[in-house]
Amino acid sequence: MKKDLHPDYHPVVFRDASADFAFLTRSTATSVKTVEWTDGNTYPVIDVEISSASHPFSTGTARVVDTAGRVEKFRRRYGRPAAQTPEEPA
């Protein structure tokens, strides 16, 4: 294998400040900030805005979109006009 081809893969803490949630994983991402983890070691920490602890889909607070209403609205707006019956000759 070639030397210095791949970036350094090391333990990193990702922290979601809005949900007070953090997890330790391995990544190539780096940071100047560090945090002491529960195992007593110090790891680089990367602050994120959304994680599984604060994402609406994961927390169950996601809104369900009424797709039937959207389809009907689309059909009303862009659908074919209703078939008109031809007039009968007299």
C-alpha atoms as a PDB file:
ATOM      1  CA  MET A   1       0.000   0.000   0.000  1.00  0.00           C
ATOM      2  CA  LYS A   2       1.112   3.543  -0.676  1.00  0.00           C
ATOM      3  CA  LYS A   3       2.066   5.568   2.371  1.00  0.00           C
ATOM      4  CA  ASP A   4       0.163   8.759   3.242  1.00  0.00           C
ATOM      5  CA  LEU A   5      -2.564   8.019   0.697  1.00  0.00           C
ATOM      6  CA  HIS A   6      -5.494   7.831   3.126  1.00  0.00           C
ATOM      7  CA  PRO A   7      -6.420  10.451   5.720  1.00  0.00           C
ATOM      8  CA  ASP A   8      -6.010   9.757   9.430  1.00  0.00           C
ATOM      9  CA  TYR A   9      -8.964   7.726  10.748  1.00  0.00           C
ATOM     10  CA  HIS A  10      -9.362   8.324  14.487  1.00  0.00           C
ATOM     11  CA  PRO A  11     -11.966   8.472  17.297  1.00  0.00           C
ATOM     12  CA  VAL A  12     -14.079  11.661  17.301  1.00  0.00           C
ATOM     13  CA  VAL A  13     -16.968  12.830  19.482  1.00  0.00           C
ATOM     14  CA  PHE A  14     -19.957  14.328  17.650  1.00  0.00           C
ATOM     15  CA  ARG A  15     -22.042  16.541  19.942  1.00  0.00           C
ATOM     16  CA  ASP A  16     -25.558  17.881  19.388  1.00  0.00           C
ATOM     17  CA  ALA A  17     -25.831  20.863  21.698  1.00  0.00           C
ATOM     18  CA  SER A  18     -29.564  21.381  21.131  1.00  0.00           C
ATOM     19  CA  ALA A  19     -30.407  17.895  22.436  1.00  0.00           C
ATOM     20  CA  ASP A  20     -27.531  17.524  24.936  1.00  0.00           C
ATOM     21  CA  PHE A  21     -26.484  14.357  23.109  1.00  0.00           C
ATOM     22  CA  ALA A  22     -23.022  13.139  22.124  1.00  0.00           C
ATOM     23  CA  PHE A  23     -21.596   9.954  20.666  1.00  0.00           C
ATOM     24  CA  LEU A  24     -18.119   8.611  20.080  1.00  0.00           C
ATOM     25  CA  THR A  25     -17.303   7.188  16.672  1.00  0.00           C
ATOM     26  CA  ARG A  26     -14.416   7.009  14.231  1.00  0.00           C
ATOM     27  CA  SER A  27     -13.999   9.592  11.492  1.00  0.00           C
ATOM     28  CA  THR A  28     -11.504  11.428   9.336  1.00  0.00           C
ATOM     29  CA  ALA A  29     -12.954  14.777  10.467  1.00  0.00           C
ATOM     30  CA  THR A  30     -10.750  16.882  12.714  1.00  0.00           C
ATOM     31  CA  SER A  31     -11.325  19.655  15.207  1.00  0.00           C
ATOM     32  CA  VAL A  32      -9.271  21.941  17.414  1.00  0.00           C
ATOM     33  CA  LYS A  33     -11.785  21.628  20.280  1.00  0.00           C
ATOM     34  CA  THR A  34     -11.518  18.610  22.570  1.00  0.00           C
ATOM     35  CA  VAL A  35     -13.685  16.998  25.223  1.00  0.00           C
ATOM     36  CA  GLU A  36     -13.015  14.459  27.934  1.00  0.00           C
ATOM     37  CA  TRP A  37     -15.143  11.372  27.324  1.00  0.00           C
ATOM     38  CA  THR A  38     -16.581   9.019  29.951  1.00  0.00           C
ATOM     39  CA  ASP A  39     -13.665   6.611  29.528  1.00  0.00           C
ATOM     40  CA  GLY A  40     -11.247   9.312  30.747  1.00  0.00           C
ATOM     41  CA  ASN A  41      -9.622   9.933  27.350  1.00  0.00           C
ATOM     42  CA  THR A  42      -9.644  13.248  25.511  1.00  0.00           C
ATOM     43  CA  TYR A  43     -11.061  13.260  21.970  1.00  0.00           C
ATOM     44  CA  PRO A  44     -11.651  15.950  19.339  1.00  0.00           C
ATOM     45  CA  VAL A  45     -15.254  17.158  19.389  1.00  0.00           C
ATOM     46  CA  ILE A  46     -17.347  18.317  16.433  1.00  0.00           C
ATOM     47  CA  ASP A  47     -20.550  20.224  17.173  1.00  0.00           C
ATOM     48  CA  VAL A  48     -23.481  19.421  14.879  1.00  0.00           C
ATOM     49  CA  GLU A  49     -26.839  21.152  14.505  1.00  0.00           C
ATOM     50  CA  ILE A  50     -28.983  18.037  14.017  1.00  0.00           C
ATOM     51  CA  SER A  51     -28.482  14.455  15.157  1.00  0.00           C
ATOM     52  CA  SER A  52     -30.702  11.446  15.686  1.00  0.00           C
ATOM     53  CA  ALA A  53     -31.647  12.876  19.079  1.00  0.00           C
ATOM     54  CA  SER A  54     -33.039  16.127  17.652  1.00  0.00           C
ATOM     55  CA  HIS A  55     -34.175  15.280  14.097  1.00  0.00           C
ATOM     56  CA  PRO A  56     -37.985  15.418  13.737  1.00  0.00           C
ATOM     57  CA  PHE A  57     -38.156  12.117  11.866  1.00  0.00           C
ATOM     58  CA  SER A  58     -36.169  10.238  14.526  1.00  0.00           C
ATOM     59  CA  THR A  59     -37.956  11.835  17.467  1.00  0.00           C
ATOM     60  CA  GLY A  60     -41.437  11.158  16.077  1.00  0.00           C
ATOM     61  CA  THR A  61     -42.437  14.805  15.817  1.00  0.00           C
ATOM     62  CA  ALA A  62     -42.427  14.837  12.004  1.00  0.00           C
ATOM     63  CA  ARG A  63     -45.612  16.016  10.355  1.00  0.00           C
ATOM     64  CA  VAL A  64     -47.458  13.674   8.044  1.00  0.00           C
ATOM     65  CA  VAL A  65     -48.242  15.317   4.728  1.00  0.00           C
ATOM     66  CA  ASP A  66     -51.724  14.779   3.349  1.00  0.00           C
ATOM     67  CA  THR A  67     -50.728  13.325  -0.015  1.00  0.00           C
ATOM     68  CA  ALA A  68     -54.300  12.658  -1.106  1.00  0.00           C
ATOM     69  CA  GLY A  69     -55.103  16.349  -0.796  1.00  0.00           C
ATOM     70  CA  ARG A  70     -51.993  17.288  -2.735  1.00  0.00           C
ATOM     71  CA  VAL A  71     -52.851  14.891  -5.558  1.00  0.00           C
ATOM     72  CA  GLU A  72     -56.385  16.267  -5.838  1.00  0.00           C
ATOM     73  CA  LYS A  73     -55.064  19.821  -5.853  1.00  0.00           C
ATOM     74  CA  PHE A  74     -52.652  18.885  -8.654  1.00  0.00           C
ATOM     75  CA  ARG A  75     -55.430  17.254 -10.677  1.00  0.00           C
ATOM     76  CA  ARG A  76     -57.677  20.280 -10.253  1.00  0.00           C
ATOM     77  CA  ARG A  77     -54.911  22.607 -11.356  1.00  0.00           C
ATOM     78  CA  TYR A  78     -53.248  20.633 -14.164  1.00  0.00           C
ATOM     79  CA  GLY A  79     -55.551  17.712 -14.907  1.00  0.00           C
ATOM     80  CA  ARG A  80     -57.412  17.172 -18.147  1.00  0.00           C
ATOM     81  CA  PRO A  81     -60.731  18.946 -18.422  1.00  0.00           C
ATOM     82  CA  ALA A  82     -63.793  16.752 -18.012  1.00  0.00           C
ATOM     83  CA  ALA A  83     -64.881  15.078 -21.224  1.00  0.00           C
ATOM     84  CA  GLN A  84     -67.729  16.991 -22.739  1.00  0.00           C
ATOM     85  CA  THR A  85     -70.519  15.120 -24.484  1.00  0.00           C
ATOM     86  CA  PRO A  86     -71.077  16.241 -28.096  1.00  0.00           C
ATOM     87  CA  GLU A  87     -74.401  17.790 -28.843  1.00  0.00           C
ATOM     88  CA  GLU A  88     -76.865  15.537 -30.628  1.00  0.00           C
ATOM     89  CA  PRO A  89     -77.999  16.688 -34.065  1.00  0.00           C
ATOM     90  CA  ALA A  90     -81.620  17.704 -34.244  1.00  0.00           C
END
